[in-house]
Amino acid sequence: MFKKMHAVARQVSQIVVGKDLQVRQALTCLLANGHLLIEDVPGVGKTTLAHALAISLGLKFNRVQFTSDLLPADVAGISVYEREKNGFVFHPGPIFTQVLLADEINRATPKTQSGLLEAMEERQVTADGVTRALPSPFFVIATQNPLHQVGTFALPESQLDRFLMCLSLGYPDAAAERALLMGDDRRSMLKTLPAAMQPAELTVAQKALREIHASASLIDYVQALAQASRQNGMFAEGLSPRASIALLQAARAWAAMEGRDHVVPEDIQAVLVPVCAHRLRPLKSAHGVALASRDLVLQLQKSVPV
């Protein structure tokens, strides 16, 4: 059942050229039933990747452009008085879909950003005192611009912690960029993209992750990494229990994509940076130089024996 994920990866890689690793990481995140944050400068294919993933997985897709004047009701929905029914009727917002692309999420105010917290954690939306379940499966794929760019609002730690993985696409290499320049327009290619997998098949694959075995010694390794992040003095706060669970779940999905029925330490290491780097805020080093979270997570990995 996991073989179809490879077919999806091949199809998406035809649209997002030269980013095979990031495509595989993104599919690992969705297979693990997590939400995905894609952070990079504008124009490198973040939105295209999200759209290609949704189409290839056969999922219903809505896109919301986050701006500073966007309100939570614009995403969740609003109740409108209808005279014919002599009462208020709830009109669902774009969040009632299977894949919500929150484009440039950090251009919205913290108030609007926080409106996603319940949906991402509980898979439900509460409006006017009524709780409504979201479709299943439900994923938030958010894109984020670098914080030094004009008009951005930093995502709070509670929001970041609800994204299972955070990826960065980066600029394409010369060969990939030449293929983009000489090939067809990617937006037109999206229109003809078939579904390589059905939502029901994805749900079955997600449930099958429970059968991917993680030994007691592997759990020890996950715990050792979490404890080291809390005690080594490199980070303001260490990994939360939610992060430890996310790390193990992502490793199970990576192992399944590798065709194994058990998790090995290399699976943990393969997903460690995309699962943990956005959750950890670095402290300055002894020399007063602030290192990137990604570099510190790699140092963390080296410091913890398998």
Protein backbone atom coordinates (compact mmCIF):
# COMPACT_ATOMS: atom_id res chain seq x y z
CA MET A 1 0.00 0.00 0.00
CA PHE A 2 2.99 2.30 0.52
CA LYS A 3 4.20 1.74 -3.06
CA LYS A 4 1.64 4.23 -4.34
CA MET A 5 3.35 6.91 -2.27
CA HIS A 6 6.38 6.45 -4.52
CA ALA A 7 4.17 6.97 -7.57
CA VAL A 8 2.90 10.19 -6.00
CA ALA A 9 6.49 11.27 -5.29
CA ARG A 10 7.54 10.66 -8.89
CA GLN A 11 4.58 12.64 -10.20
CA VAL A 12 5.11 15.61 -7.89
CA SER A 13 8.83 15.63 -8.72
CA GLN A 14 7.92 16.20 -12.38
CA ILE A 15 6.27 19.45 -11.30
CA VAL A 16 8.71 20.56 -8.59
CA VAL A 17 11.95 19.84 -10.40
CA GLY A 18 15.17 19.02 -8.58
CA LYS A 19 13.61 18.74 -5.10
CA ASP A 20 13.23 14.96 -4.72
CA LEU A 21 14.27 14.95 -1.06
CA GLN A 22 11.85 17.71 -0.08
CA VAL A 23 9.02 16.00 -1.98
CA ARG A 24 9.69 12.78 -0.11
CA GLN A 25 9.85 14.60 3.22
CA ALA A 26 6.53 16.30 2.47
CA LEU A 27 4.88 12.96 1.65
CA THR A 28 6.34 11.49 4.83
CA CYS A 29 4.69 14.31 6.79
CA LEU A 30 1.27 13.71 5.20
CA LEU A 31 1.59 9.93 5.58
CA ALA A 32 2.23 10.53 9.29
CA ASN A 33 -1.03 12.56 9.36
CA GLY A 34 0.81 15.76 10.21
CA HIS A 35 0.72 19.35 9.04
CA LEU A 36 3.48 20.81 6.88
CA LEU A 37 5.20 24.21 7.00
CA ILE A 38 7.26 25.25 3.96
CA GLU A 39 9.54 28.20 4.65
CA ASP A 40 11.50 30.01 1.95
CA VAL A 41 11.76 33.14 -0.15
CA PRO A 42 8.95 33.84 -2.66
CA GLY A 43 9.06 32.20 -6.07
CA VAL A 44 10.85 28.90 -5.38
CA GLY A 45 7.81 26.63 -5.72
CA LYS A 46 6.25 26.42 -2.25
CA THR A 47 2.67 26.91 -3.44
CA THR A 48 3.21 24.68 -6.47
CA LEU A 49 4.45 21.86 -4.23
CA ALA A 50 1.39 22.10 -1.99
CA HIS A 51 -0.99 22.14 -4.94
CA ALA A 52 0.75 19.21 -6.65
CA LEU A 53 0.62 17.14 -3.46
CA ALA A 54 -3.11 17.70 -3.02
CA ILE A 55 -3.94 16.83 -6.63
CA SER A 56 -1.69 13.76 -6.71
CA LEU A 57 -3.27 12.42 -3.50
CA GLY A 58 -6.78 13.00 -4.84
CA LEU A 59 -7.67 15.39 -2.02
CA LYS A 60 -10.06 18.34 -2.03
CA PHE A 61 -8.02 21.52 -1.99
CA ASN A 62 -8.63 25.12 -0.89
CA ARG A 63 -6.13 27.96 -0.91
CA VAL A 64 -6.29 31.01 1.35
CA GLN A 65 -3.97 33.95 0.81
CA PHE A 66 -3.08 35.16 4.30
CA THR A 67 -2.84 38.95 4.61
CA SER A 68 -2.74 41.42 7.49
CA ASP A 69 -6.48 42.16 7.21
CA LEU A 70 -7.60 38.51 7.11
CA LEU A 71 -9.91 37.58 10.01
CA PRO A 72 -10.40 34.15 11.65
CA ALA A 73 -13.99 34.06 10.36
CA ASP A 74 -12.67 34.44 6.81
CA VAL A 75 -11.02 31.03 7.25
CA ALA A 76 -13.38 29.16 9.59
CA GLY A 77 -16.73 30.50 8.36
CA ILE A 78 -19.44 32.81 9.62
CA SER A 79 -23.11 32.72 10.61
CA VAL A 80 -25.38 34.92 8.50
CA TYR A 81 -28.99 35.80 9.29
CA GLU A 82 -31.36 34.47 6.62
CA ARG A 83 -34.86 35.91 6.65
CA GLU A 84 -36.37 32.89 4.88
CA LYS A 85 -35.24 30.60 7.70
CA ASN A 86 -35.81 33.20 10.42
CA GLY A 87 -32.43 32.51 11.94
CA PHE A 88 -28.68 32.42 11.53
CA VAL A 89 -27.18 29.91 9.12
CA PHE A 90 -23.53 28.91 9.29
CA HIS A 91 -21.60 29.28 6.05
CA PRO A 92 -18.44 27.11 6.21
CA GLY A 93 -15.16 28.79 5.38
CA PRO A 94 -12.39 27.43 3.17
CA ILE A 95 -10.96 25.43 6.08
CA PHE A 96 -13.67 22.82 5.49
CA THR A 97 -11.59 20.87 2.99
CA GLN A 98 -9.04 18.06 3.02
CA VAL A 99 -5.99 20.18 2.20
CA LEU A 100 -5.90 23.81 3.25
CA LEU A 101 -3.05 25.79 1.74
CA ALA A 102 -2.38 28.67 4.12
CA ASP A 103 -0.31 30.71 1.72
CA GLU A 104 2.16 33.12 3.36
CA ILE A 105 0.71 32.32 6.78
CA ASN A 106 3.05 34.70 8.58
CA ARG A 107 1.63 37.72 6.74
CA ALA A 108 -1.54 37.38 8.84
CA THR A 109 -1.82 38.78 12.36
CA PRO A 110 -1.39 36.51 15.40
CA LYS A 111 -5.17 36.63 15.94
CA THR A 112 -5.82 34.99 12.59
CA GLN A 113 -2.91 32.59 12.99
CA SER A 114 -4.33 31.37 16.31
CA GLY A 115 -7.62 30.62 14.59
CA LEU A 116 -5.95 27.54 13.08
CA LEU A 117 -4.85 26.01 16.39
CA GLU A 118 -8.05 24.07 17.15
CA ALA A 119 -8.39 22.88 13.57
CA MET A 120 -4.81 21.62 13.42
CA GLU A 121 -4.88 19.87 16.79
CA GLU A 122 -8.46 18.63 17.11
CA ARG A 123 -9.52 18.47 13.44
CA GLN A 124 -12.59 20.54 14.29
CA VAL A 125 -13.82 24.14 14.27
CA THR A 126 -15.91 25.81 16.96
CA ALA A 127 -18.00 28.80 15.88
CA ASP A 128 -20.96 30.37 17.67
CA GLY A 129 -20.73 27.73 20.38
CA VAL A 130 -21.11 24.85 17.93
CA THR A 131 -18.28 22.42 17.18
CA ARG A 132 -18.10 21.07 13.65
CA ALA A 133 -15.82 18.25 12.51
CA LEU A 134 -13.49 18.83 9.57
CA PRO A 135 -13.25 16.39 6.65
CA SER A 136 -10.94 13.41 6.94
CA PRO A 137 -8.14 13.36 6.10
CA PHE A 138 -7.36 16.98 6.93
CA PHE A 139 -4.02 18.66 6.36
CA VAL A 140 -2.76 22.20 6.67
CA ILE A 141 0.09 22.98 4.29
CA ALA A 142 1.35 26.46 5.13
CA THR A 143 3.97 28.52 3.35
CA GLN A 144 6.00 31.10 5.19
CA ASN A 145 8.27 33.92 4.07
CA PRO A 146 11.53 34.67 5.92
CA LEU A 147 10.90 36.85 8.95
CA HIS A 148 13.27 39.59 7.76
CA GLN A 149 10.91 40.37 4.87
CA VAL A 150 8.50 43.28 5.14
CA GLY A 151 5.02 42.66 6.56
CA THR A 152 5.60 39.37 8.36
CA PHE A 153 4.51 38.28 11.85
CA ALA A 154 6.45 35.54 13.60
CA LEU A 155 4.49 32.36 14.30
CA PRO A 156 4.25 31.68 18.04
CA GLU A 157 5.84 28.54 19.46
CA SER A 158 2.43 26.95 20.08
CA GLN A 159 1.63 27.31 16.36
CA LEU A 160 5.00 26.01 15.21
CA ASP A 161 4.70 22.98 17.49
CA ARG A 162 1.55 21.89 15.64
CA PHE A 163 3.41 21.55 12.36
CA LEU A 164 4.85 18.05 12.23
CA MET A 165 7.58 19.09 9.79
CA CYS A 166 9.11 22.27 8.36
CA LEU A 167 10.87 22.22 5.00
CA SER A 168 12.90 24.68 2.98
CA LEU A 169 13.06 24.26 -0.79
CA GLY A 170 15.97 26.57 -1.59
CA TYR A 171 17.00 27.75 -5.02
CA PRO A 172 17.14 25.12 -7.77
CA ASP A 173 20.48 23.98 -9.17
CA ALA A 174 21.48 24.98 -12.67
CA ALA A 175 20.08 21.86 -14.36
CA ALA A 176 16.73 22.09 -12.58
CA GLU A 177 16.37 25.80 -13.31
CA ARG A 178 17.17 25.21 -16.99
CA ALA A 179 14.47 22.51 -17.11
CA LEU A 180 12.02 25.03 -15.66
CA LEU A 181 13.01 27.68 -18.20
CA MET A 182 12.77 25.36 -21.20
CA GLY A 183 9.78 23.29 -20.08
CA ASP A 184 6.04 23.90 -19.88
CA ASP A 185 4.49 26.29 -17.41
CA ARG A 186 4.04 24.48 -14.08
CA ARG A 187 0.57 25.95 -13.48
CA SER A 188 -0.67 24.54 -16.78
CA MET A 189 0.86 21.16 -15.93
CA LEU A 190 -1.07 21.13 -12.64
CA LYS A 191 -4.36 21.33 -14.54
CA THR A 192 -3.68 18.04 -16.32
CA LEU A 193 -2.21 16.21 -13.33
CA PRO A 194 -4.09 12.97 -12.48
CA ALA A 195 -4.66 11.58 -8.99
CA ALA A 196 -2.03 8.91 -8.38
CA MET A 197 -3.69 7.86 -5.11
CA GLN A 198 -7.17 8.02 -3.62
CA PRO A 199 -8.01 9.52 -0.19
CA ALA A 200 -9.28 6.14 1.07
CA GLU A 201 -5.94 4.54 0.17
CA LEU A 202 -4.08 7.29 2.01
CA THR A 203 -6.25 6.71 5.10
CA VAL A 204 -5.49 2.98 5.00
CA ALA A 205 -1.77 3.70 4.70
CA GLN A 206 -1.89 6.11 7.65
CA LYS A 207 -3.58 3.51 9.83
CA ALA A 208 -1.04 0.90 8.76
CA LEU A 209 1.75 2.98 10.32
CA ARG A 210 0.69 1.54 13.67
CA GLU A 211 2.09 -1.79 12.48
CA ILE A 212 5.56 -0.33 11.86
CA HIS A 213 7.50 -1.67 14.84
CA ALA A 214 9.60 0.58 17.07
CA SER A 215 11.73 -1.36 19.54
CA ALA A 216 12.32 -0.39 23.16
CA SER A 217 15.92 0.56 22.38
CA LEU A 218 14.73 2.84 19.59
CA ILE A 219 12.31 4.53 22.01
CA ASP A 220 15.33 5.00 24.30
CA TYR A 221 17.08 6.80 21.45
CA VAL A 222 14.14 9.15 20.89
CA GLN A 223 13.98 9.92 24.60
CA ALA A 224 17.74 10.53 24.75
CA LEU A 225 17.47 13.07 21.93
CA ALA A 226 14.60 14.85 23.68
CA GLN A 227 16.43 14.91 27.02
CA ALA A 228 19.60 16.22 25.39
CA SER A 229 17.67 19.09 23.78
CA ARG A 230 16.40 20.08 27.22
CA GLN A 231 19.71 19.83 29.06
CA ASN A 232 22.55 20.73 26.70
CA GLY A 233 22.13 24.51 26.97
CA MET A 234 21.92 25.10 23.20
CA PHE A 235 18.18 25.86 23.13
CA ALA A 236 15.86 28.18 25.03
CA GLU A 237 13.45 25.30 25.56
CA GLY A 238 13.84 21.63 24.70
CA LEU A 239 11.61 19.35 22.69
CA SER A 240 8.11 18.87 24.07
CA PRO A 241 6.45 15.45 24.46
CA ARG A 242 4.39 16.33 21.38
CA ALA A 243 7.65 16.76 19.47
CA SER A 244 8.91 13.35 20.65
CA ILE A 245 5.69 11.73 19.45
CA ALA A 246 5.98 13.58 16.14
CA LEU A 247 9.57 12.41 15.71
CA LEU A 248 8.63 8.77 16.21
CA GLN A 249 5.57 9.03 13.94
CA ALA A 250 7.57 10.67 11.17
CA ALA A 251 10.27 8.01 11.51
CA ARG A 252 7.61 5.30 11.15
CA ALA A 253 6.39 6.96 7.95
CA TRP A 254 9.94 7.25 6.62
CA ALA A 255 10.57 3.56 7.37
CA ALA A 256 7.35 2.63 5.55
CA MET A 257 8.46 4.67 2.53
CA GLU A 258 11.74 2.73 2.69
CA GLY A 259 9.78 -0.53 2.51
CA ARG A 260 10.55 -1.71 6.06
CA ASP A 261 8.17 -2.90 8.75
CA HIS A 262 10.35 -1.58 11.58
CA VAL A 263 12.10 1.66 12.50
CA VAL A 264 15.89 1.94 12.63
CA PRO A 265 17.98 4.82 14.02
CA GLU A 266 18.67 6.06 10.48
CA ASP A 267 14.94 6.76 10.11
CA ILE A 268 15.04 8.97 13.20
CA GLN A 269 18.08 10.79 11.84
CA ALA A 270 16.48 11.25 8.39
CA VAL A 271 13.54 13.20 9.83
CA LEU A 272 15.22 14.80 12.86
CA VAL A 273 15.96 18.21 11.30
CA PRO A 274 12.59 18.79 9.55
CA VAL A 275 10.69 17.63 12.66
CA CYS A 276 12.72 19.42 15.31
CA ALA A 277 14.54 22.48 13.93
CA HIS A 278 11.47 24.74 13.78
CA ARG A 279 10.52 23.76 17.35
CA LEU A 280 13.84 24.76 18.90
CA ARG A 281 14.93 28.35 19.50
CA PRO A 282 18.72 28.55 19.77
CA LEU A 283 20.63 30.37 22.46
CA LYS A 284 23.81 32.23 21.58
CA SER A 285 26.98 30.22 21.72
CA ALA A 286 29.83 30.95 24.08
CA HIS A 287 31.39 33.16 21.37
CA GLY A 288 28.22 35.22 21.04
CA VAL A 289 27.39 33.84 17.61
CA ALA A 290 23.82 32.70 17.04
CA LEU A 291 23.84 29.43 15.10
CA ALA A 292 20.87 28.30 13.01
CA SER A 293 18.52 25.80 14.58
CA ARG A 294 19.25 23.31 11.80
CA ASP A 295 22.98 23.34 12.57
CA LEU A 296 22.32 22.92 16.28
CA VAL A 297 19.98 19.98 15.66
CA LEU A 298 22.74 18.29 13.66
CA GLN A 299 25.10 18.92 16.59
CA LEU A 300 22.48 17.44 18.89
CA GLN A 301 22.31 14.32 16.74
CA LYS A 302 26.07 13.88 16.86
CA SER A 303 26.14 14.33 20.65
CA VAL A 304 23.65 11.54 21.36
CA PRO A 305 24.98 8.00 20.81
CA VAL A 306 22.77 5.47 19.07
